[in-house]
Amino acid sequence: MSLIYKISPEGAWRAAEAAGVYTGAPVDLADGFIHFSAADQLGETAAKHFHGQTDLLLIAVDTDTLGDALKWEPSRGGALFPHLYDDLKMNAVVWVKPLPLDADGRHRFPEEL
């Protein structure tokens, strides 16, 4: 199993869980795909797009369940990022964990990444 990750405000994610599907954040809807990050991209993603934000969740998704709708495409600095051209079904989610801030105001990621 290979994992990719989505950072989401808790309220938006809990609403998606209740609906049974995640259709994306406003930026995802505007771009036409759901933005994800690989484990080694998470720190930069959090710093750039979620700096200082609290009440965030980190969602781990099994890439094997996403099929051809998952594309790895150039983004920041030409690095390949995972983009999902479909809604995210809840059966693809492996786990959901809080993404707290540390004493320096940076997000603290789970050790198992």
PDB file of N, CA and C in Angstrom:
ATOM      1  N   MET A   1       0.856  -1.185   0.000  1.00  0.00           N
ATOM      2  CA  MET A   1       0.000   0.000   0.000  1.00  0.00           C
ATOM      3  C   MET A   1       0.890   1.231   0.000  1.00  0.00           C
ATOM      4  N   SER A   2       0.561   2.177  -0.848  1.00  0.00           N
ATOM      5  CA  SER A   2       1.253   3.453  -0.920  1.00  0.00           C
ATOM      6  C   SER A   2       0.280   4.540  -0.473  1.00  0.00           C
ATOM      7  N   LEU A   3       0.764   5.473   0.358  1.00  0.00           N
ATOM      8  CA  LEU A   3      -0.119   6.501   0.900  1.00  0.00           C
ATOM      9  C   LEU A   3       0.203   7.873   0.345  1.00  0.00           C
ATOM     10  N   ILE A   4      -0.842   8.672   0.152  1.00  0.00           N
ATOM     11  CA  ILE A   4      -0.736  10.101  -0.102  1.00  0.00           C
ATOM     12  C   ILE A   4      -1.565  10.791   0.969  1.00  0.00           C
ATOM     13  N   TYR A   5      -1.410  12.107   1.077  1.00  0.00           N
ATOM     14  CA  TYR A   5      -1.990  12.814   2.214  1.00  0.00           C
ATOM     15  C   TYR A   5      -2.718  14.086   1.799  1.00  0.00           C
ATOM     16  N   LYS A   6      -3.780  14.357   2.544  1.00  0.00           N
ATOM     17  CA  LYS A   6      -4.569  15.574   2.372  1.00  0.00           C
ATOM     18  C   LYS A   6      -4.622  16.273   3.722  1.00  0.00           C
ATOM     19  N   ILE A   7      -4.384  17.573   3.734  1.00  0.00           N
ATOM     20  CA  ILE A   7      -4.571  18.389   4.928  1.00  0.00           C
ATOM     21  C   ILE A   7      -5.903  19.102   4.765  1.00  0.00           C
ATOM     22  N   SER A   8      -6.738  19.032   5.808  1.00  0.00           N
ATOM     23  CA  SER A   8      -8.073  19.618   5.719  1.00  0.00           C
ATOM     24  C   SER A   8      -8.479  20.223   7.058  1.00  0.00           C
ATOM     25  N   PRO A   9      -9.189  21.359   7.022  1.00  0.00           N
ATOM     26  CA  PRO A   9      -9.815  21.835   8.253  1.00  0.00           C
ATOM     27  C   PRO A   9     -10.762  20.755   8.780  1.00  0.00           C
ATOM     28  N   GLU A  10     -10.801  20.589  10.085  1.00  0.00           N
ATOM     29  CA  GLU A  10     -11.591  19.507  10.665  1.00  0.00           C
ATOM     30  C   GLU A  10     -13.063  19.597  10.283  1.00  0.00           C
ATOM     31  N   GLY A  11     -13.647  20.770  10.332  1.00  0.00           N
ATOM     32  CA  GLY A  11     -15.073  20.914  10.011  1.00  0.00           C
ATOM     33  C   GLY A  11     -15.411  20.452   8.609  1.00  0.00           C
ATOM     34  N   ALA A  12     -14.574  20.823   7.647  1.00  0.00           N
ATOM     35  CA  ALA A  12     -14.811  20.424   6.252  1.00  0.00           C
ATOM     36  C   ALA A  12     -14.687  18.911   6.099  1.00  0.00           C
ATOM     37  N   TRP A  13     -13.696  18.324   6.787  1.00  0.00           N
ATOM     38  CA  TRP A  13     -13.522  16.881   6.670  1.00  0.00           C
ATOM     39  C   TRP A  13     -14.673  16.126   7.322  1.00  0.00           C
ATOM     40  N   ARG A  14     -15.111  16.580   8.496  1.00  0.00           N
ATOM     41  CA  ARG A  14     -16.211  15.891   9.187  1.00  0.00           C
ATOM     42  C   ARG A  14     -17.491  15.964   8.355  1.00  0.00           C
ATOM     43  N   ALA A  15     -17.697  17.075   7.649  1.00  0.00           N
ATOM     44  CA  ALA A  15     -18.863  17.185   6.761  1.00  0.00           C
ATOM     45  C   ALA A  15     -18.750  16.177   5.614  1.00  0.00           C
ATOM     46  N   ALA A  16     -17.541  16.005   5.093  1.00  0.00           N
ATOM     47  CA  ALA A  16     -17.332  15.024   4.022  1.00  0.00           C
ATOM     48  C   ALA A  16     -17.580  13.607   4.528  1.00  0.00           C
ATOM     49  N   GLU A  17     -17.122  13.305   5.729  1.00  0.00           N
ATOM     50  CA  GLU A  17     -17.376  11.979   6.305  1.00  0.00           C
ATOM     51  C   GLU A  17     -18.875  11.722   6.428  1.00  0.00           C
ATOM     52  N   ALA A  18     -19.606  12.740   6.869  1.00  0.00           N
ATOM     53  CA  ALA A  18     -21.055  12.588   7.017  1.00  0.00           C
ATOM     54  C   ALA A  18     -21.727  12.372   5.661  1.00  0.00           C
ATOM     55  N   ALA A  19     -21.190  13.025   4.625  1.00  0.00           N
ATOM     56  CA  ALA A  19     -21.743  12.882   3.274  1.00  0.00           C
ATOM     57  C   ALA A  19     -21.286  11.586   2.604  1.00  0.00           C
ATOM     58  N   GLY A  20     -20.205  10.994   3.107  1.00  0.00           N
ATOM     59  CA  GLY A  20     -19.693   9.763   2.526  1.00  0.00           C
ATOM     60  C   GLY A  20     -18.730   9.963   1.378  1.00  0.00           C
ATOM     61  N   VAL A  21     -18.407  11.220   1.072  1.00  0.00           N
ATOM     62  CA  VAL A  21     -17.507  11.526  -0.038  1.00  0.00           C
ATOM     63  C   VAL A  21     -16.906  12.920   0.183  1.00  0.00           C
ATOM     64  N   TYR A  22     -15.645  13.073  -0.220  1.00  0.00           N
ATOM     65  CA  TYR A  22     -14.974  14.363  -0.147  1.00  0.00           C
ATOM     66  C   TYR A  22     -14.847  14.900  -1.565  1.00  0.00           C
ATOM     67  N   THR A  23     -15.451  16.052  -1.824  1.00  0.00           N
ATOM     68  CA  THR A  23     -15.424  16.637  -3.166  1.00  0.00           C
ATOM     69  C   THR A  23     -14.314  17.654  -3.342  1.00  0.00           C
ATOM     70  N   GLY A  24     -13.679  18.044  -2.229  1.00  0.00           N
ATOM     71  CA  GLY A  24     -12.537  18.947  -2.309  1.00  0.00           C
ATOM     72  C   GLY A  24     -12.754  20.263  -1.600  1.00  0.00           C
ATOM     73  N   ALA A  25     -11.631  20.912  -1.317  1.00  0.00           N
ATOM     74  CA  ALA A  25     -11.615  22.259  -0.750  1.00  0.00           C
ATOM     75  C   ALA A  25     -11.878  23.259  -1.874  1.00  0.00           C
ATOM     76  N   PRO A  26     -12.138  24.521  -1.543  1.00  0.00           N
ATOM     77  CA  PRO A  26     -12.364  25.508  -2.614  1.00  0.00           C
ATOM     78  C   PRO A  26     -11.260  25.538  -3.675  1.00  0.00           C
ATOM     79  N   VAL A  27      -9.995  25.418  -3.280  1.00  0.00           N
ATOM     80  CA  VAL A  27      -8.909  25.422  -4.260  1.00  0.00           C
ATOM     81  C   VAL A  27      -8.979  24.187  -5.155  1.00  0.00           C
ATOM     82  N   ASP A  28      -9.380  23.058  -4.596  1.00  0.00           N
ATOM     83  CA  ASP A  28      -9.525  21.834  -5.390  1.00  0.00           C
ATOM     84  C   ASP A  28     -10.622  22.009  -6.435  1.00  0.00           C
ATOM     85  N   LEU A  29     -11.747  22.539  -5.998  1.00  0.00           N
ATOM     86  CA  LEU A  29     -12.873  22.736  -6.913  1.00  0.00           C
ATOM     87  C   LEU A  29     -12.502  23.705  -8.026  1.00  0.00           C
ATOM     88  N   ALA A  30     -11.761  24.758  -7.690  1.00  0.00           N
ATOM     89  CA  ALA A  30     -11.341  25.737  -8.700  1.00  0.00           C
ATOM     90  C   ALA A  30     -10.368  25.123  -9.710  1.00  0.00           C
ATOM     91  N   ASP A  31      -9.483  24.242  -9.225  1.00  0.00           N
ATOM     92  CA  ASP A  31      -8.464  23.649 -10.102  1.00  0.00           C
ATOM     93  C   ASP A  31      -8.954  22.421 -10.859  1.00  0.00           C
ATOM     94  N   GLY A  32     -10.075  21.840 -10.441  1.00  0.00           N
ATOM     95  CA  GLY A  32     -10.635  20.689 -11.141  1.00  0.00           C
ATOM     96  C   GLY A  32     -10.086  19.350 -10.686  1.00  0.00           C
ATOM     97  N   PHE A  33      -9.357  19.322  -9.580  1.00  0.00           N
ATOM     98  CA  PHE A  33      -8.839  18.081  -9.011  1.00  0.00           C
ATOM     99  C   PHE A  33      -8.561  18.306  -7.534  1.00  0.00           C
ATOM    100  N   ILE A  34      -8.455  17.200  -6.783  1.00  0.00           N
ATOM    101  CA  ILE A  34      -8.140  17.286  -5.361  1.00  0.00           C
ATOM    102  C   ILE A  34      -6.635  17.194  -5.197  1.00  0.00           C
ATOM    103  N   HIS A  35      -6.061  18.210  -4.549  1.00  0.00           N
ATOM    104  CA  HIS A  35      -4.630  18.270  -4.285  1.00  0.00           C
ATOM    105  C   HIS A  35      -4.255  17.343  -3.131  1.00  0.00           C
ATOM    106  N   PHE A  36      -3.212  16.563  -3.306  1.00  0.00           N
ATOM    107  CA  PHE A  36      -2.634  15.736  -2.255  1.00  0.00           C
ATOM    108  C   PHE A  36      -1.135  16.002  -2.215  1.00  0.00           C
ATOM    109  N   SER A  37      -0.489  15.449  -1.202  1.00  0.00           N
ATOM    110  CA  SER A  37       0.966  15.511  -1.088  1.00  0.00           C
ATOM    111  C   SER A  37       1.493  14.132  -0.741  1.00  0.00           C
ATOM    112  N   ALA A  38       2.712  13.851  -1.207  1.00  0.00           N
ATOM    113  CA  ALA A  38       3.448  12.683  -0.729  1.00  0.00           C
ATOM    114  C   ALA A  38       4.007  13.039   0.645  1.00  0.00           C
ATOM    115  N   ALA A  39       4.456  12.040   1.388  1.00  0.00           N
ATOM    116  CA  ALA A  39       4.954  12.281   2.752  1.00  0.00           C
ATOM    117  C   ALA A  39       6.070  13.313   2.771  1.00  0.00           C
ATOM    118  N   ASP A  40       6.993  13.251   1.818  1.00  0.00           N
ATOM    119  CA  ASP A  40       8.125  14.181   1.825  1.00  0.00           C
ATOM    120  C   ASP A  40       7.749  15.586   1.371  1.00  0.00           C
ATOM    121  N   GLN A  41       6.519  15.797   0.933  1.00  0.00           N
ATOM    122  CA  GLN A  41       6.048  17.114   0.498  1.00  0.00           C
ATOM    123  C   GLN A  41       5.189  17.804   1.550  1.00  0.00           C
ATOM    124  N   LEU A  42       4.807  17.079   2.593  1.00  0.00           N
ATOM    125  CA  LEU A  42       3.841  17.601   3.563  1.00  0.00           C
ATOM    126  C   LEU A  42       4.316  18.835   4.312  1.00  0.00           C
ATOM    127  N   GLY A  43       5.564  18.849   4.728  1.00  0.00           N
ATOM    128  CA  GLY A  43       6.068  19.994   5.491  1.00  0.00           C
ATOM    129  C   GLY A  43       5.946  21.289   4.707  1.00  0.00           C
ATOM    130  N   GLU A  44       6.357  21.260   3.457  1.00  0.00           N
ATOM    131  CA  GLU A  44       6.280  22.451   2.613  1.00  0.00           C
ATOM    132  C   GLU A  44       4.825  22.820   2.313  1.00  0.00           C
ATOM    133  N   THR A  45       3.992  21.823   2.069  1.00  0.00           N
ATOM    134  CA  THR A  45       2.574  22.090   1.814  1.00  0.00           C
ATOM    135  C   THR A  45       1.931  22.772   3.022  1.00  0.00           C
ATOM    136  N   ALA A  46       2.190  22.242   4.210  1.00  0.00           N
ATOM    137  CA  ALA A  46       1.610  22.821   5.426  1.00  0.00           C
ATOM    138  C   ALA A  46       2.104  24.251   5.638  1.00  0.00           C
ATOM    139  N   ALA A  47       3.400  24.466   5.462  1.00  0.00           N
ATOM    140  CA  ALA A  47       3.970  25.794   5.668  1.00  0.00           C
ATOM    141  C   ALA A  47       3.427  26.811   4.657  1.00  0.00           C
ATOM    142  N   LYS A  48       3.262  26.388   3.419  1.00  0.00           N
ATOM    143  CA  LYS A  48       2.828  27.308   2.363  1.00  0.00           C
ATOM    144  C   LYS A  48       1.335  27.607   2.406  1.00  0.00           C
ATOM    145  N   HIS A  49       0.522  26.589   2.648  1.00  0.00           N
ATOM    146  CA  HIS A  49      -0.927  26.755   2.513  1.00  0.00           C
ATOM    147  C   HIS A  49      -1.694  26.776   3.835  1.00  0.00           C
ATOM    148  N   PHE A  50      -1.066  26.347   4.937  1.00  0.00           N
ATOM    149  CA  PHE A  50      -1.793  26.227   6.211  1.00  0.00           C
ATOM    150  C   PHE A  50      -1.024  26.829   7.380  1.00  0.00           C
ATOM    151  N   HIS A  51      -0.094  27.729   7.111  1.00  0.00           N
ATOM    152  CA  HIS A  51       0.761  28.315   8.148  1.00  0.00           C
ATOM    153  C   HIS A  51      -0.061  28.849   9.325  1.00  0.00           C
ATOM    154  N   GLY A  52       0.257  28.349  10.506  1.00  0.00           N
ATOM    155  CA  GLY A  52      -0.372  28.838  11.734  1.00  0.00           C
ATOM    156  C   GLY A  52      -1.803  28.395  11.961  1.00  0.00           C
ATOM    157  N   GLN A  53      -2.378  27.634  11.048  1.00  0.00           N
ATOM    158  CA  GLN A  53      -3.772  27.205  11.199  1.00  0.00           C
ATOM    159  C   GLN A  53      -3.883  26.059  12.192  1.00  0.00           C
ATOM    160  N   THR A  54      -4.889  26.153  13.021  1.00  0.00           N
ATOM    161  CA  THR A  54      -5.194  25.089  13.971  1.00  0.00           C
ATOM    162  C   THR A  54      -6.428  24.337  13.478  1.00  0.00           C
ATOM    163  N   ASP A  55      -6.853  23.336  14.221  1.00  0.00           N
ATOM    164  CA  ASP A  55      -8.034  22.543  13.883  1.00  0.00           C
ATOM    165  C   ASP A  55      -7.927  21.885  12.510  1.00  0.00           C
ATOM    166  N   LEU A  56      -6.716  21.426  12.191  1.00  0.00           N
ATOM    167  CA  LEU A  56      -6.497  20.721  10.930  1.00  0.00           C
ATOM    168  C   LEU A  56      -6.390  19.224  11.176  1.00  0.00           C
ATOM    169  N   LEU A  57      -6.727  18.472  10.141  1.00  0.00           N
ATOM    170  CA  LEU A  57      -6.569  17.022  10.157  1.00  0.00           C
ATOM    171  C   LEU A  57      -5.653  16.615   9.016  1.00  0.00           C
ATOM    172  N   LEU A  58      -4.941  15.518   9.233  1.00  0.00           N
ATOM    173  CA  LEU A  58      -4.141  14.910   8.190  1.00  0.00           C
ATOM    174  C   LEU A  58      -4.814  13.601   7.811  1.00  0.00           C
ATOM    175  N   ILE A  59      -5.124  13.470   6.535  1.00  0.00           N
ATOM    176  CA  ILE A  59      -5.847  12.304   6.038  1.00  0.00           C
ATOM    177  C   ILE A  59      -4.898  11.480   5.169  1.00  0.00           C
ATOM    178  N   ALA A  60      -4.743  10.207   5.499  1.00  0.00           N
ATOM    179  CA  ALA A  60      -3.912   9.292   4.710  1.00  0.00           C
ATOM    180  C   ALA A  60      -4.813   8.486   3.790  1.00  0.00           C
ATOM    181  N   VAL A  61      -4.436   8.422   2.520  1.00  0.00           N
ATOM    182  CA  VAL A  61      -5.251   7.778   1.490  1.00  0.00           C
ATOM    183  C   VAL A  61      -4.412   6.726   0.765  1.00  0.00           C
ATOM    184  N   ASP A  62      -4.995   5.563   0.556  1.00  0.00           N
ATOM    185  CA  ASP A  62      -4.361   4.451  -0.148  1.00  0.00           C
ATOM    186  C   ASP A  62      -4.449   4.698  -1.654  1.00  0.00           C
ATOM    187  N   THR A  63      -3.309   4.899  -2.290  1.00  0.00           N
ATOM    188  CA  THR A  63      -3.306   5.179  -3.735  1.00  0.00           C
ATOM    189  C   THR A  63      -3.831   4.010  -4.554  1.00  0.00           C
ATOM    190  N   ASP A  64      -3.709   2.791  -4.031  1.00  0.00           N
ATOM    191  CA  ASP A  64      -4.147   1.607  -4.781  1.00  0.00           C
ATOM    192  C   ASP A  64      -5.651   1.606  -5.042  1.00  0.00           C
ATOM    193  N   THR A  65      -6.409   2.359  -4.273  1.00  0.00           N
ATOM    194  CA  THR A  65      -7.866   2.388  -4.425  1.00  0.00           C
ATOM    195  C   THR A  65      -8.352   3.470  -5.381  1.00  0.00           C
ATOM    196  N   LEU A  66      -7.442   4.311  -5.871  1.00  0.00           N
ATOM    197  CA  LEU A  66      -7.859   5.495  -6.636  1.00  0.00           C
ATOM    198  C   LEU A  66      -7.881   5.291  -8.141  1.00  0.00           C
ATOM    199  N   GLY A  67      -7.216   4.259  -8.622  1.00  0.00           N
ATOM    200  CA  GLY A  67      -7.251   3.957 -10.048  1.00  0.00           C
ATOM    201  C   GLY A  67      -6.646   5.036 -10.927  1.00  0.00           C
ATOM    202  N   ASP A  68      -7.154   5.116 -12.142  1.00  0.00           N
ATOM    203  CA  ASP A  68      -6.622   6.038 -13.143  1.00  0.00           C
ATOM    204  C   ASP A  68      -6.962   7.499 -12.871  1.00  0.00           C
ATOM    205  N   ALA A  69      -7.829   7.758 -11.903  1.00  0.00           N
ATOM    206  CA  ALA A  69      -8.180   9.142 -11.570  1.00  0.00           C
ATOM    207  C   ALA A  69      -7.041   9.858 -10.855  1.00  0.00           C
ATOM    208  N   LEU A  70      -6.055   9.102 -10.344  1.00  0.00           N
ATOM    209  CA  LEU A  70      -4.897   9.690  -9.680  1.00  0.00           C
ATOM    210  C   LEU A  70      -3.798   9.921 -10.699  1.00  0.00           C
ATOM    211  N   LYS A  71      -3.352  11.168 -10.774  1.00  0.00           N
ATOM    212  CA  LYS A  71      -2.274  11.543 -11.696  1.00  0.00           C
ATOM    213  C   LYS A  71      -1.174  12.234 -10.888  1.00  0.00           C
ATOM    214  N   TRP A  72       0.077  11.938 -11.203  1.00  0.00           N
ATOM    215  CA  TRP A  72       1.230  12.617 -10.612  1.00  0.00           C
ATOM    216  C   TRP A  72       1.673  13.665 -11.610  1.00  0.00           C
ATOM    217  N   GLU A  73       1.521  14.939 -11.230  1.00  0.00           N
ATOM    218  CA  GLU A  73       1.761  16.031 -12.169  1.00  0.00           C
ATOM    219  C   GLU A  73       2.710  17.068 -11.581  1.00  0.00           C
ATOM    220  N   PRO A  74       3.472  17.748 -12.447  1.00  0.00           N
ATOM    221  CA  PRO A  74       4.402  18.776 -11.970  1.00  0.00           C
ATOM    222  C   PRO A  74       3.656  19.915 -11.276  1.00  0.00           C
ATOM    223  N   SER A  75       4.245  20.368 -10.186  1.00  0.00           N
ATOM    224  CA  SER A  75       3.688  21.502  -9.442  1.00  0.00           C
ATOM    225  C   SER A  75       4.861  22.319  -8.926  1.00  0.00           C
ATOM    226  N   ARG A  76       4.869  22.640  -7.624  1.00  0.00           N
ATOM    227  CA  ARG A  76       5.922  23.472  -7.036  1.00  0.00           C
ATOM    228  C   ARG A  76       7.315  23.021  -7.462  1.00  0.00           C
ATOM    229  N   GLY A  77       8.041  23.907  -8.089  1.00  0.00           N
ATOM    230  CA  GLY A  77       9.420  23.611  -8.453  1.00  0.00           C
ATOM    231  C   GLY A  77       9.580  22.433  -9.397  1.00  0.00           C
ATOM    232  N   GLY A  78       8.525  22.039 -10.072  1.00  0.00           N
ATOM    233  CA  GLY A  78       8.584  20.919 -10.999  1.00  0.00           C
ATOM    234  C   GLY A  78       8.422  19.556 -10.347  1.00  0.00           C
ATOM    235  N   ALA A  79       8.280  19.522  -9.016  1.00  0.00           N
ATOM    236  CA  ALA A  79       8.075  18.240  -8.323  1.00  0.00           C
ATOM    237  C   ALA A  79       6.731  17.650  -8.722  1.00  0.00           C
ATOM    238  N   LEU A  80       6.669  16.326  -8.779  1.00  0.00           N
ATOM    239  CA  LEU A  80       5.420  15.649  -9.111  1.00  0.00           C
ATOM    240  C   LEU A  80       4.558  15.515  -7.857  1.00  0.00           C
ATOM    241  N   PHE A  81       3.337  16.009  -7.952  1.00  0.00           N
ATOM    242  CA  PHE A  81       2.374  15.944  -6.853  1.00  0.00           C
ATOM    243  C   PHE A  81       1.188  15.087  -7.273  1.00  0.00           C
ATOM    244  N   PRO A  82       0.592  14.376  -6.316  1.00  0.00           N
ATOM    245  CA  PRO A  82      -0.589  13.571  -6.630  1.00  0.00           C
ATOM    246  C   PRO A  82      -1.848  14.437  -6.711  1.00  0.00           C
ATOM    247  N   HIS A  83      -2.571  14.292  -7.802  1.00  0.00           N
ATOM    248  CA  HIS A  83      -3.829  15.007  -8.036  1.00  0.00           C
ATOM    249  C   HIS A  83      -4.906  13.979  -8.360  1.00  0.00           C
ATOM    250  N   LEU A  84      -6.033  14.096  -7.682  1.00  0.00           N
ATOM    251  CA  LEU A  84      -7.143  13.162  -7.910  1.00  0.00           C
ATOM    252  C   LEU A  84      -8.233  13.844  -8.725  1.00  0.00           C
ATOM    253  N   TYR A  85      -8.483  13.315  -9.912  1.00  0.00           N
ATOM    254  CA  TYR A  85      -9.510  13.837 -10.806  1.00  0.00           C
ATOM    255  C   TYR A  85     -10.820  13.076 -10.593  1.00  0.00           C
ATOM    256  N   ASP A  86     -11.277  13.084  -9.373  1.00  0.00           N
ATOM    257  CA  ASP A  86     -12.517  12.413  -8.980  1.00  0.00           C
ATOM    258  C   ASP A  86     -12.797  12.829  -7.543  1.00  0.00           C
ATOM    259  N   ASP A  87     -13.974  12.507  -7.056  1.00  0.00           N
ATOM    260  CA  ASP A  87     -14.254  12.677  -5.640  1.00  0.00           C
ATOM    261  C   ASP A  87     -13.498  11.609  -4.863  1.00  0.00           C
ATOM    262  N   LEU A  88     -13.178  11.912  -3.628  1.00  0.00           N
ATOM    263  CA  LEU A  88     -12.501  10.949  -2.770  1.00  0.00           C
ATOM    264  C   LEU A  88     -13.546  10.161  -1.994  1.00  0.00           C
ATOM    265  N   LYS A  89     -13.579   8.860  -2.255  1.00  0.00           N
ATOM    266  CA  LYS A  89     -14.499   7.976  -1.534  1.00  0.00           C
ATOM    267  C   LYS A  89     -13.893   7.611  -0.186  1.00  0.00           C
ATOM    268  N   MET A  90     -14.712   7.477   0.817  1.00  0.00           N
ATOM    269  CA  MET A  90     -14.228   7.213   2.169  1.00  0.00           C
ATOM    270  C   MET A  90     -13.536   5.851   2.306  1.00  0.00           C
ATOM    271  N   ASN A  91     -13.824   4.906   1.422  1.00  0.00           N
ATOM    272  CA  ASN A  91     -13.170   3.600   1.518  1.00  0.00           C
ATOM    273  C   ASN A  91     -11.685   3.664   1.163  1.00  0.00           C
ATOM    274  N   ALA A  92     -11.240   4.781   0.574  1.00  0.00           N
ATOM    275  CA  ALA A  92      -9.829   4.962   0.250  1.00  0.00           C
ATOM    276  C   ALA A  92      -9.025   5.509   1.435  1.00  0.00           C
ATOM    277  N   VAL A  93      -9.719   5.991   2.451  1.00  0.00           N
ATOM    278  CA  VAL A  93      -9.058   6.622   3.596  1.00  0.00           C
ATOM    279  C   VAL A  93      -8.555   5.547   4.559  1.00  0.00           C
ATOM    280  N   VAL A  94      -7.263   5.610   4.875  1.00  0.00           N
ATOM    281  CA  VAL A  94      -6.631   4.642   5.772  1.00  0.00           C
ATOM    282  C   VAL A  94      -6.719   5.131   7.218  1.00  0.00           C
ATOM    283  N   TRP A  95      -6.431   6.404   7.431  1.00  0.00           N
ATOM    284  CA  TRP A  95      -6.574   6.988   8.769  1.00  0.00           C
ATOM    285  C   TRP A  95      -6.692   8.502   8.677  1.00  0.00           C
ATOM    286  N   VAL A  96      -7.213   9.073   9.769  1.00  0.00           N
ATOM    287  CA  VAL A  96      -7.368  10.519   9.930  1.00  0.00           C
ATOM    288  C   VAL A  96      -6.808  10.867  11.303  1.00  0.00           C
ATOM    289  N   LYS A  97      -5.869  11.824  11.340  1.00  0.00           N
ATOM    290  CA  LYS A  97      -5.237  12.203  12.609  1.00  0.00           C
ATOM    291  C   LYS A  97      -5.166  13.723  12.729  1.00  0.00           C
ATOM    292  N   PRO A  98      -5.188  14.217  13.963  1.00  0.00           N
ATOM    293  CA  PRO A  98      -5.022  15.662  14.177  1.00  0.00           C
ATOM    294  C   PRO A  98      -3.653  16.124  13.675  1.00  0.00           C
ATOM    295  N   LEU A  99      -3.594  17.375  13.247  1.00  0.00           N
ATOM    296  CA  LEU A  99      -2.342  17.984  12.795  1.00  0.00           C
ATOM    297  C   LEU A  99      -2.103  19.235  13.641  1.00  0.00           C
ATOM    298  N   PRO A 100      -1.590  19.039  14.859  1.00  0.00           N
ATOM    299  CA  PRO A 100      -1.417  20.168  15.782  1.00  0.00           C
ATOM    300  C   PRO A 100      -0.190  21.011  15.440  1.00  0.00           C
ATOM    301  N   LEU A 101      -0.129  22.172  16.061  1.00  0.00           N
ATOM    302  CA  LEU A 101       1.044  23.037  15.960  1.00  0.00           C
ATOM    303  C   LEU A 101       1.984  22.738  17.118  1.00  0.00           C
ATOM    304  N   ASP A 102       3.295  22.849  16.867  1.00  0.00           N
ATOM    305  CA  ASP A 102       4.252  22.694  17.958  1.00  0.00           C
ATOM    306  C   ASP A 102       4.490  24.065  18.597  1.00  0.00           C
ATOM    307  N   ALA A 103       5.400  24.137  19.546  1.00  0.00           N
ATOM    308  CA  ALA A 103       5.666  25.384  20.274  1.00  0.00           C
ATOM    309  C   ALA A 103       6.180  26.491  19.360  1.00  0.00           C
ATOM    310  N   ASP A 104       6.784  26.120  18.221  1.00  0.00           N
ATOM    311  CA  ASP A 104       7.304  27.106  17.276  1.00  0.00           C
ATOM    312  C   ASP A 104       6.291  27.504  16.210  1.00  0.00           C
ATOM    313  N   GLY A 105       5.063  26.965  16.304  1.00  0.00           N
ATOM    314  CA  GLY A 105       4.026  27.308  15.344  1.00  0.00           C
ATOM    315  C   GLY A 105       4.057  26.503  14.061  1.00  0.00           C
ATOM    316  N   ARG A 106       4.870  25.452  14.022  1.00  0.00           N
ATOM    317  CA  ARG A 106       4.906  24.570  12.842  1.00  0.00           C
ATOM    318  C   ARG A 106       4.030  23.351  13.109  1.00  0.00           C
ATOM    319  N   HIS A 107       3.512  22.778  12.056  1.00  0.00           N
ATOM    320  CA  HIS A 107       2.661  21.604  12.212  1.00  0.00           C
ATOM    321  C   HIS A 107       3.498  20.387  12.590  1.00  0.00           C
ATOM    322  N   ARG A 108       2.976  19.609  13.505  1.00  0.00           N
ATOM    323  CA  ARG A 108       3.659  18.408  13.992  1.00  0.00           C
ATOM    324  C   ARG A 108       2.992  17.190  13.358  1.00  0.00           C
ATOM    325  N   PHE A 109       3.733  16.500  12.509  1.00  0.00           N
ATOM    326  CA  PHE A 109       3.202  15.360  11.767  1.00  0.00           C
ATOM    327  C   PHE A 109       3.365  14.076  12.552  1.00  0.00           C
ATOM    328  N   PRO A 110       2.467  13.110  12.336  1.00  0.00           N
ATOM    329  CA  PRO A 110       2.580  11.817  13.020  1.00  0.00           C
ATOM    330  C   PRO A 110       3.920  11.152  12.712  1.00  0.00           C
ATOM    331  N   GLU A 111       4.429  10.404  13.670  1.00  0.00           N
ATOM    332  CA  GLU A 111       5.732   9.752  13.537  1.00  0.00           C
ATOM    333  C   GLU A 111       5.770   8.698  12.425  1.00  0.00           C
ATOM    334  N   GLU A 112       4.618   8.094  12.119  1.00  0.00           N
ATOM    335  CA  GLU A 112       4.631   6.988  11.145  1.00  0.00           C
ATOM    336  C   GLU A 112       4.741   7.428   9.686  1.00  0.00           C
ATOM    337  N   LEU A 113       4.910   8.694   9.416  1.00  0.00           N
ATOM    338  CA  LEU A 113       5.085   9.124   8.024  1.00  0.00           C
ATOM    339  C   LEU A 113       6.420   8.689   7.479  1.00  0.00           C
TER     340      LEU A 113
END
